[in-house]
Amino acid sequence: MHEPHLRAADSDRTAVATTLGRAMSEGRLTVAEYDGRLSRAYAARTFGELAELTADLPRTPRPPSAHSAQVAHPARAATPACADDSAWRSWLTTALIVLGVWGATSFVADGPLYFWPMWVIGPWGAFLLVGTLTRPRGGPSGKAG
């Protein structure tokens, strides 16, 4: 990791914002915690300030155990989680929340603010779209062609 006193770049702030969005969609953060941390992420100047925002979050999402995946959804065991319909529902829920926060703050500010939700929902949506488009027909949804 970088030294805490070094200045962070926009790409570093975006990476933290993505991590925070994932943590909220997993239920690790409340909407209020997410909103507060996201504001602090985009205002952060150093790596140390960014590190504080994710210090209590796991580094990578914990994968489900193979046994629970096979028992709960035997037909889905061979399909990547990114192509699952529930992943799209999580993305949509998060998108609606961050768009609502952006809309409310823009309304209070009497005009549209910087459209920061694109950094949360854009990369995540692109990842899900690639997973959906590369999923074999008759995949986890059970629908053929």
N, C-alpha and C. Protein backbone atom coordinates (compact mmCIF):
# COMPACT_ATOMS: atom_id res chain seq x y z
N MET A 1 0.84 -1.19 0.00
CA MET A 1 0.00 0.00 0.00
C MET A 1 0.88 1.23 0.00
N HIS A 2 0.33 2.32 -0.40
CA HIS A 2 1.06 3.57 -0.48
C HIS A 2 1.25 4.16 0.91
N GLU A 3 2.23 5.04 1.01
CA GLU A 3 2.46 5.71 2.28
C GLU A 3 1.32 6.68 2.55
N PRO A 4 0.84 6.75 3.80
CA PRO A 4 -0.35 7.53 4.13
C PRO A 4 -0.25 9.02 3.84
N HIS A 5 0.95 9.58 3.84
CA HIS A 5 1.09 11.03 3.64
C HIS A 5 1.11 11.42 2.16
N LEU A 6 1.22 10.45 1.25
CA LEU A 6 1.26 10.77 -0.18
C LEU A 6 -0.12 11.16 -0.69
N ARG A 7 -0.13 12.05 -1.66
CA ARG A 7 -1.40 12.53 -2.22
C ARG A 7 -2.03 11.47 -3.11
N ALA A 8 -3.35 11.37 -3.02
CA ALA A 8 -4.12 10.41 -3.81
C ALA A 8 -4.60 11.03 -5.11
N ALA A 9 -4.81 10.19 -6.11
CA ALA A 9 -5.30 10.65 -7.41
C ALA A 9 -6.80 10.37 -7.52
N ASP A 10 -7.42 10.92 -8.55
CA ASP A 10 -8.85 10.66 -8.78
C ASP A 10 -9.13 9.18 -8.92
N SER A 11 -8.24 8.45 -9.58
CA SER A 11 -8.45 7.00 -9.75
C SER A 11 -8.44 6.28 -8.40
N ASP A 12 -7.64 6.76 -7.45
CA ASP A 12 -7.62 6.17 -6.11
C ASP A 12 -8.94 6.43 -5.38
N ARG A 13 -9.46 7.64 -5.54
CA ARG A 13 -10.75 7.97 -4.92
C ARG A 13 -11.87 7.13 -5.53
N THR A 14 -11.81 6.94 -6.84
CA THR A 14 -12.82 6.13 -7.53
C THR A 14 -12.77 4.68 -7.06
N ALA A 15 -11.58 4.15 -6.87
CA ALA A 15 -11.44 2.77 -6.40
C ALA A 15 -12.06 2.61 -5.02
N VAL A 16 -11.85 3.58 -4.15
CA VAL A 16 -12.44 3.53 -2.81
C VAL A 16 -13.96 3.65 -2.92
N ALA A 17 -14.45 4.52 -3.79
CA ALA A 17 -15.90 4.67 -3.98
C ALA A 17 -16.53 3.36 -4.45
N THR A 18 -15.86 2.66 -5.33
CA THR A 18 -16.35 1.36 -5.81
C THR A 18 -16.38 0.35 -4.68
N THR A 19 -15.34 0.33 -3.87
CA THR A 19 -15.29 -0.57 -2.72
C THR A 19 -16.43 -0.26 -1.75
N LEU A 20 -16.68 1.02 -1.50
CA LEU A 20 -17.76 1.41 -0.60
C LEU A 20 -19.12 1.01 -1.16
N GLY A 21 -19.32 1.18 -2.47
CA GLY A 21 -20.57 0.78 -3.10
C GLY A 21 -20.81 -0.71 -2.98
N ARG A 22 -19.76 -1.49 -3.18
CA ARG A 22 -19.87 -2.95 -3.04
C ARG A 22 -20.20 -3.31 -1.59
N ALA A 23 -19.55 -2.64 -0.65
CA ALA A 23 -19.80 -2.93 0.77
C ALA A 23 -21.24 -2.59 1.15
N MET A 24 -21.77 -1.51 0.60
CA MET A 24 -23.16 -1.17 0.89
C MET A 24 -24.11 -2.21 0.29
N SER A 25 -23.84 -2.64 -0.93
CA SER A 25 -24.73 -3.61 -1.56
C SER A 25 -24.66 -4.97 -0.86
N GLU A 26 -23.55 -5.25 -0.20
CA GLU A 26 -23.42 -6.49 0.56
C GLU A 26 -24.04 -6.38 1.95
N GLY A 27 -24.45 -5.18 2.34
CA GLY A 27 -25.05 -4.98 3.66
C GLY A 27 -24.04 -4.68 4.74
N ARG A 28 -22.83 -4.37 4.38
CA ARG A 28 -21.80 -4.05 5.38
C ARG A 28 -21.88 -2.60 5.85
N LEU A 29 -22.48 -1.73 5.02
CA LEU A 29 -22.65 -0.32 5.37
C LEU A 29 -24.11 0.07 5.21
N THR A 30 -24.56 0.95 6.07
CA THR A 30 -25.91 1.51 5.89
C THR A 30 -25.81 2.61 4.83
N VAL A 31 -26.94 3.07 4.36
CA VAL A 31 -26.95 4.13 3.36
C VAL A 31 -26.31 5.39 3.93
N ALA A 32 -26.60 5.69 5.19
CA ALA A 32 -26.02 6.89 5.82
C ALA A 32 -24.50 6.76 5.93
N GLU A 33 -24.01 5.58 6.33
CA GLU A 33 -22.57 5.38 6.42
C GLU A 33 -21.92 5.50 5.04
N TYR A 34 -22.56 4.89 4.06
CA TYR A 34 -22.06 4.94 2.69
C TYR A 34 -21.97 6.38 2.20
N ASP A 35 -23.04 7.13 2.40
CA ASP A 35 -23.08 8.52 1.93
C ASP A 35 -21.98 9.34 2.59
N GLY A 36 -21.82 9.17 3.89
CA GLY A 36 -20.79 9.92 4.60
C GLY A 36 -19.39 9.57 4.14
N ARG A 37 -19.15 8.26 3.99
CA ARG A 37 -17.82 7.82 3.56
C ARG A 37 -17.55 8.23 2.12
N LEU A 38 -18.57 8.17 1.28
CA LEU A 38 -18.38 8.55 -0.11
C LEU A 38 -18.01 10.02 -0.23
N SER A 39 -18.68 10.87 0.54
CA SER A 39 -18.35 12.29 0.55
C SER A 39 -16.90 12.51 1.00
N ARG A 40 -16.52 11.78 2.04
CA ARG A 40 -15.15 11.90 2.55
C ARG A 40 -14.14 11.37 1.53
N ALA A 41 -14.52 10.32 0.78
CA ALA A 41 -13.60 9.74 -0.22
C ALA A 41 -13.29 10.76 -1.31
N TYR A 42 -14.32 11.44 -1.80
CA TYR A 42 -14.08 12.42 -2.87
C TYR A 42 -13.42 13.70 -2.37
N ALA A 43 -13.44 13.92 -1.05
CA ALA A 43 -12.76 15.07 -0.48
C ALA A 43 -11.35 14.73 0.01
N ALA A 44 -11.01 13.45 0.02
CA ALA A 44 -9.71 13.01 0.55
C ALA A 44 -8.56 13.54 -0.30
N ARG A 45 -7.48 13.86 0.37
CA ARG A 45 -6.29 14.34 -0.32
C ARG A 45 -5.17 13.31 -0.32
N THR A 46 -5.12 12.48 0.74
CA THR A 46 -4.00 11.55 0.88
C THR A 46 -4.48 10.10 0.95
N PHE A 47 -3.53 9.18 0.74
CA PHE A 47 -3.84 7.76 0.86
C PHE A 47 -4.28 7.40 2.28
N GLY A 48 -3.73 8.10 3.26
CA GLY A 48 -4.11 7.84 4.65
C GLY A 48 -5.58 8.12 4.89
N GLU A 49 -6.07 9.24 4.32
CA GLU A 49 -7.48 9.58 4.47
C GLU A 49 -8.37 8.55 3.78
N LEU A 50 -7.94 8.04 2.63
CA LEU A 50 -8.71 7.03 1.92
C LEU A 50 -8.69 5.70 2.68
N ALA A 51 -7.54 5.34 3.23
CA ALA A 51 -7.41 4.07 3.95
C ALA A 51 -8.35 4.00 5.15
N GLU A 52 -8.56 5.13 5.82
CA GLU A 52 -9.46 5.17 6.98
C GLU A 52 -10.88 4.76 6.61
N LEU A 53 -11.28 5.06 5.38
CA LEU A 53 -12.67 4.83 4.96
C LEU A 53 -12.99 3.36 4.73
N THR A 54 -11.96 2.56 4.48
CA THR A 54 -12.20 1.13 4.22
C THR A 54 -11.48 0.23 5.21
N ALA A 55 -10.92 0.81 6.26
CA ALA A 55 -10.13 0.02 7.22
C ALA A 55 -10.95 -1.07 7.90
N ASP A 56 -12.25 -0.85 8.11
CA ASP A 56 -13.07 -1.84 8.80
C ASP A 56 -13.82 -2.77 7.84
N LEU A 57 -13.47 -2.70 6.55
CA LEU A 57 -14.12 -3.55 5.55
C LEU A 57 -13.15 -4.64 5.10
N PRO A 58 -13.68 -5.81 4.74
CA PRO A 58 -12.79 -6.87 4.23
C PRO A 58 -12.12 -6.43 2.92
N ARG A 59 -10.92 -6.90 2.69
CA ARG A 59 -10.18 -6.52 1.49
C ARG A 59 -10.89 -7.01 0.22
N THR A 60 -11.36 -8.23 0.24
CA THR A 60 -12.08 -8.79 -0.91
C THR A 60 -13.36 -9.44 -0.40
N PRO A 61 -14.39 -9.47 -1.22
CA PRO A 61 -15.62 -10.12 -0.77
C PRO A 61 -15.37 -11.59 -0.51
N ARG A 62 -15.98 -12.09 0.54
CA ARG A 62 -15.82 -13.49 0.89
C ARG A 62 -16.66 -14.35 -0.05
N PRO A 63 -16.01 -15.28 -0.78
CA PRO A 63 -16.79 -16.11 -1.69
C PRO A 63 -17.64 -17.11 -0.91
N PRO A 64 -18.82 -17.45 -1.44
CA PRO A 64 -19.64 -18.44 -0.76
C PRO A 64 -18.95 -19.79 -0.82
N SER A 65 -19.19 -20.61 0.18
CA SER A 65 -18.58 -21.93 0.17
C SER A 65 -19.17 -22.76 -0.96
N ALA A 66 -18.40 -23.68 -1.49
CA ALA A 66 -18.85 -24.52 -2.61
C ALA A 66 -20.05 -25.35 -2.20
N HIS A 67 -20.07 -25.80 -0.95
CA HIS A 67 -21.17 -26.63 -0.48
C HIS A 67 -22.48 -25.86 -0.46
N SER A 68 -22.48 -24.63 0.07
CA SER A 68 -23.71 -23.86 0.15
C SER A 68 -24.21 -23.49 -1.24
N ALA A 69 -23.30 -23.22 -2.19
CA ALA A 69 -23.72 -22.89 -3.54
C ALA A 69 -24.37 -24.07 -4.22
N GLN A 70 -23.84 -25.28 -3.99
CA GLN A 70 -24.40 -26.47 -4.63
C GLN A 70 -25.72 -26.87 -4.00
N VAL A 71 -25.86 -26.71 -2.71
CA VAL A 71 -27.10 -27.08 -2.04
C VAL A 71 -28.21 -26.10 -2.38
N ALA A 72 -27.91 -24.79 -2.33
CA ALA A 72 -28.94 -23.78 -2.55
C ALA A 72 -29.37 -23.70 -4.02
N HIS A 73 -28.41 -23.75 -4.93
CA HIS A 73 -28.71 -23.59 -6.36
C HIS A 73 -27.84 -24.55 -7.17
N PRO A 74 -28.17 -25.83 -7.24
CA PRO A 74 -27.31 -26.76 -7.95
C PRO A 74 -27.10 -26.40 -9.42
N ALA A 75 -28.10 -25.82 -10.08
CA ALA A 75 -27.96 -25.47 -11.49
C ALA A 75 -27.05 -24.27 -11.69
N ARG A 76 -26.84 -23.48 -10.66
CA ARG A 76 -26.03 -22.27 -10.78
C ARG A 76 -24.58 -22.47 -10.39
N ALA A 77 -24.20 -23.63 -9.94
CA ALA A 77 -22.87 -23.83 -9.38
C ALA A 77 -21.76 -23.52 -10.38
N ALA A 78 -21.96 -23.79 -11.68
CA ALA A 78 -20.91 -23.57 -12.67
C ALA A 78 -20.95 -22.19 -13.29
N THR A 79 -21.89 -21.36 -12.92
CA THR A 79 -22.05 -20.05 -13.54
C THR A 79 -21.44 -18.97 -12.66
N PRO A 80 -20.68 -18.02 -13.25
CA PRO A 80 -20.12 -16.94 -12.44
C PRO A 80 -21.20 -16.10 -11.79
N ALA A 81 -20.92 -15.64 -10.58
CA ALA A 81 -21.91 -14.85 -9.83
C ALA A 81 -22.22 -13.54 -10.53
N CYS A 82 -21.29 -13.02 -11.32
CA CYS A 82 -21.51 -11.73 -11.97
C CYS A 82 -22.66 -11.78 -12.96
N ALA A 83 -23.01 -12.96 -13.46
CA ALA A 83 -24.06 -13.07 -14.47
C ALA A 83 -25.41 -13.38 -13.84
N ASP A 84 -25.48 -13.48 -12.54
CA ASP A 84 -26.70 -13.85 -11.83
C ASP A 84 -27.68 -12.69 -11.79
N ASP A 85 -28.98 -13.00 -11.87
CA ASP A 85 -30.01 -11.96 -11.81
C ASP A 85 -29.97 -11.20 -10.49
N SER A 86 -29.60 -11.88 -9.40
CA SER A 86 -29.54 -11.19 -8.11
C SER A 86 -28.44 -10.12 -8.11
N ALA A 87 -27.39 -10.33 -8.88
CA ALA A 87 -26.34 -9.31 -8.99
C ALA A 87 -26.91 -8.05 -9.64
N TRP A 88 -27.75 -8.23 -10.65
CA TRP A 88 -28.39 -7.07 -11.29
C TRP A 88 -29.35 -6.38 -10.34
N ARG A 89 -30.06 -7.15 -9.52
CA ARG A 89 -30.96 -6.53 -8.54
C ARG A 89 -30.17 -5.71 -7.53
N SER A 90 -29.02 -6.22 -7.10
CA SER A 90 -28.17 -5.46 -6.17
C SER A 90 -27.67 -4.18 -6.82
N TRP A 91 -27.27 -4.29 -8.08
CA TRP A 91 -26.79 -3.11 -8.80
C TRP A 91 -27.91 -2.07 -8.92
N LEU A 92 -29.12 -2.53 -9.28
CA LEU A 92 -30.23 -1.61 -9.44
C LEU A 92 -30.59 -0.94 -8.12
N THR A 93 -30.58 -1.70 -7.04
CA THR A 93 -30.88 -1.12 -5.72
C THR A 93 -29.85 -0.05 -5.37
N THR A 94 -28.59 -0.37 -5.56
CA THR A 94 -27.53 0.60 -5.26
C THR A 94 -27.65 1.82 -6.17
N ALA A 95 -27.93 1.58 -7.46
CA ALA A 95 -28.07 2.69 -8.40
C ALA A 95 -29.20 3.63 -7.97
N LEU A 96 -30.33 3.06 -7.57
CA LEU A 96 -31.45 3.90 -7.14
C LEU A 96 -31.09 4.70 -5.88
N ILE A 97 -30.37 4.08 -4.98
CA ILE A 97 -29.99 4.77 -3.74
C ILE A 97 -29.04 5.94 -4.04
N VAL A 98 -27.97 5.66 -4.80
CA VAL A 98 -27.00 6.73 -5.05
C VAL A 98 -27.60 7.82 -5.93
N LEU A 99 -28.45 7.45 -6.87
CA LEU A 99 -29.12 8.47 -7.68
C LEU A 99 -30.06 9.31 -6.82
N GLY A 100 -30.73 8.67 -5.86
CA GLY A 100 -31.59 9.40 -4.95
C GLY A 100 -30.81 10.38 -4.09
N VAL A 101 -29.66 9.93 -3.59
CA VAL A 101 -28.81 10.81 -2.77
C VAL A 101 -28.33 11.98 -3.62
N TRP A 102 -27.86 11.68 -4.84
CA TRP A 102 -27.39 12.74 -5.73
C TRP A 102 -28.53 13.70 -6.07
N GLY A 103 -29.71 13.16 -6.38
CA GLY A 103 -30.85 14.00 -6.73
C GLY A 103 -31.26 14.90 -5.57
N ALA A 104 -31.30 14.33 -4.36
CA ALA A 104 -31.70 15.11 -3.19
C ALA A 104 -30.69 16.22 -2.90
N THR A 105 -29.40 15.89 -2.99
CA THR A 105 -28.40 16.92 -2.71
C THR A 105 -28.38 17.98 -3.81
N SER A 106 -28.64 17.57 -5.05
CA SER A 106 -28.72 18.55 -6.14
C SER A 106 -29.93 19.46 -5.96
N PHE A 107 -31.05 18.89 -5.51
CA PHE A 107 -32.26 19.67 -5.27
C PHE A 107 -32.02 20.71 -4.18
N VAL A 108 -31.39 20.28 -3.09
CA VAL A 108 -31.10 21.19 -1.98
C VAL A 108 -30.13 22.28 -2.42
N ALA A 109 -29.22 21.95 -3.33
CA ALA A 109 -28.23 22.91 -3.80
C ALA A 109 -28.77 23.81 -4.91
N ASP A 110 -30.05 23.64 -5.26
CA ASP A 110 -30.68 24.44 -6.33
C ASP A 110 -30.02 24.27 -7.69
N GLY A 111 -29.55 23.11 -7.99
CA GLY A 111 -28.96 22.83 -9.30
C GLY A 111 -28.20 21.53 -9.27
N PRO A 112 -27.98 20.95 -10.44
CA PRO A 112 -27.28 19.67 -10.48
C PRO A 112 -25.83 19.80 -10.03
N LEU A 113 -25.44 18.88 -9.16
CA LEU A 113 -24.06 18.81 -8.69
C LEU A 113 -23.28 17.87 -9.59
N TYR A 114 -21.99 17.75 -9.33
CA TYR A 114 -21.16 16.80 -10.07
C TYR A 114 -21.80 15.42 -10.00
N PHE A 115 -21.92 14.74 -11.13
CA PHE A 115 -22.62 13.46 -11.19
C PHE A 115 -21.71 12.32 -10.74
N TRP A 116 -21.44 12.25 -9.44
CA TRP A 116 -20.57 11.22 -8.88
C TRP A 116 -21.16 9.81 -8.93
N PRO A 117 -22.49 9.59 -9.02
CA PRO A 117 -22.98 8.22 -9.08
C PRO A 117 -22.41 7.39 -10.23
N MET A 118 -21.95 8.06 -11.29
CA MET A 118 -21.38 7.30 -12.41
C MET A 118 -20.18 6.48 -11.99
N TRP A 119 -19.45 6.93 -10.97
CA TRP A 119 -18.27 6.20 -10.50
C TRP A 119 -18.64 4.99 -9.67
N VAL A 120 -19.87 4.96 -9.17
CA VAL A 120 -20.33 3.82 -8.39
C VAL A 120 -21.03 2.81 -9.30
N ILE A 121 -21.97 3.28 -10.09
CA ILE A 121 -22.80 2.36 -10.86
C ILE A 121 -22.23 2.05 -12.25
N GLY A 122 -21.38 2.91 -12.79
CA GLY A 122 -20.84 2.70 -14.12
C GLY A 122 -19.94 1.47 -14.24
N PRO A 123 -18.82 1.42 -13.48
CA PRO A 123 -17.93 0.26 -13.60
C PRO A 123 -18.61 -1.05 -13.20
N TRP A 124 -19.42 -0.99 -12.15
CA TRP A 124 -20.12 -2.18 -11.68
C TRP A 124 -21.10 -2.67 -12.76
N GLY A 125 -21.85 -1.76 -13.35
CA GLY A 125 -22.79 -2.13 -14.40
C GLY A 125 -22.07 -2.69 -15.63
N ALA A 126 -20.93 -2.11 -15.98
CA ALA A 126 -20.16 -2.63 -17.12
C ALA A 126 -19.69 -4.05 -16.85
N PHE A 127 -19.22 -4.31 -15.65
CA PHE A 127 -18.78 -5.65 -15.27
C PHE A 127 -19.94 -6.64 -15.37
N LEU A 128 -21.10 -6.26 -14.85
CA LEU A 128 -22.27 -7.14 -14.92
C LEU A 128 -22.72 -7.36 -16.36
N LEU A 129 -22.66 -6.33 -17.18
CA LEU A 129 -23.07 -6.45 -18.57
C LEU A 129 -22.18 -7.44 -19.32
N VAL A 130 -20.88 -7.35 -19.10
CA VAL A 130 -19.96 -8.30 -19.73
C VAL A 130 -20.29 -9.72 -19.27
N GLY A 131 -20.54 -9.91 -17.98
CA GLY A 131 -20.88 -11.23 -17.47
C GLY A 131 -22.18 -11.75 -18.06
N THR A 132 -23.14 -10.87 -18.24
CA THR A 132 -24.42 -11.28 -18.81
C THR A 132 -24.28 -11.63 -20.28
N LEU A 133 -23.53 -10.82 -21.01
CA LEU A 133 -23.37 -11.06 -22.45
C LEU A 133 -22.53 -12.29 -22.76
N THR A 134 -21.63 -12.65 -21.87
CA THR A 134 -20.78 -13.82 -22.10
C THR A 134 -21.33 -15.09 -21.48
N ARG A 135 -22.45 -14.99 -20.78
CA ARG A 135 -23.08 -16.16 -20.15
C ARG A 135 -23.65 -17.05 -21.25
N PRO A 136 -23.45 -18.37 -21.14
CA PRO A 136 -24.04 -19.27 -22.12
C PRO A 136 -25.55 -19.24 -22.06
N ARG A 137 -26.20 -19.43 -23.18
CA ARG A 137 -27.68 -19.45 -23.22
C ARG A 137 -28.16 -20.57 -22.32
N GLY A 138 -29.33 -20.34 -21.68
CA GLY A 138 -29.87 -21.34 -20.75
C GLY A 138 -29.09 -21.37 -19.46
N GLY A 139 -28.42 -20.23 -19.12
CA GLY A 139 -27.59 -20.11 -17.92
C GLY A 139 -28.41 -20.10 -16.66
N PRO A 140 -28.02 -19.32 -15.66
CA PRO A 140 -28.62 -19.38 -14.34
C PRO A 140 -30.10 -19.05 -14.32
N SER A 141 -30.56 -18.29 -15.28
CA SER A 141 -32.00 -17.96 -15.24
C SER A 141 -32.84 -19.13 -15.68
N GLY A 142 -32.22 -20.12 -16.32
CA GLY A 142 -32.93 -21.31 -16.72
C GLY A 142 -33.70 -21.12 -18.02
N LYS A 143 -33.54 -19.95 -18.65
CA LYS A 143 -34.25 -19.68 -19.89
C LYS A 143 -33.34 -19.97 -21.07
N ALA A 144 -33.80 -20.72 -22.00
CA ALA A 144 -33.03 -21.01 -23.20
C ALA A 144 -33.41 -20.02 -24.29
N GLY A 145 -32.37 -19.48 -25.02
CA GLY A 145 -32.55 -18.59 -26.16
C GLY A 145 -33.53 -17.58 -25.97
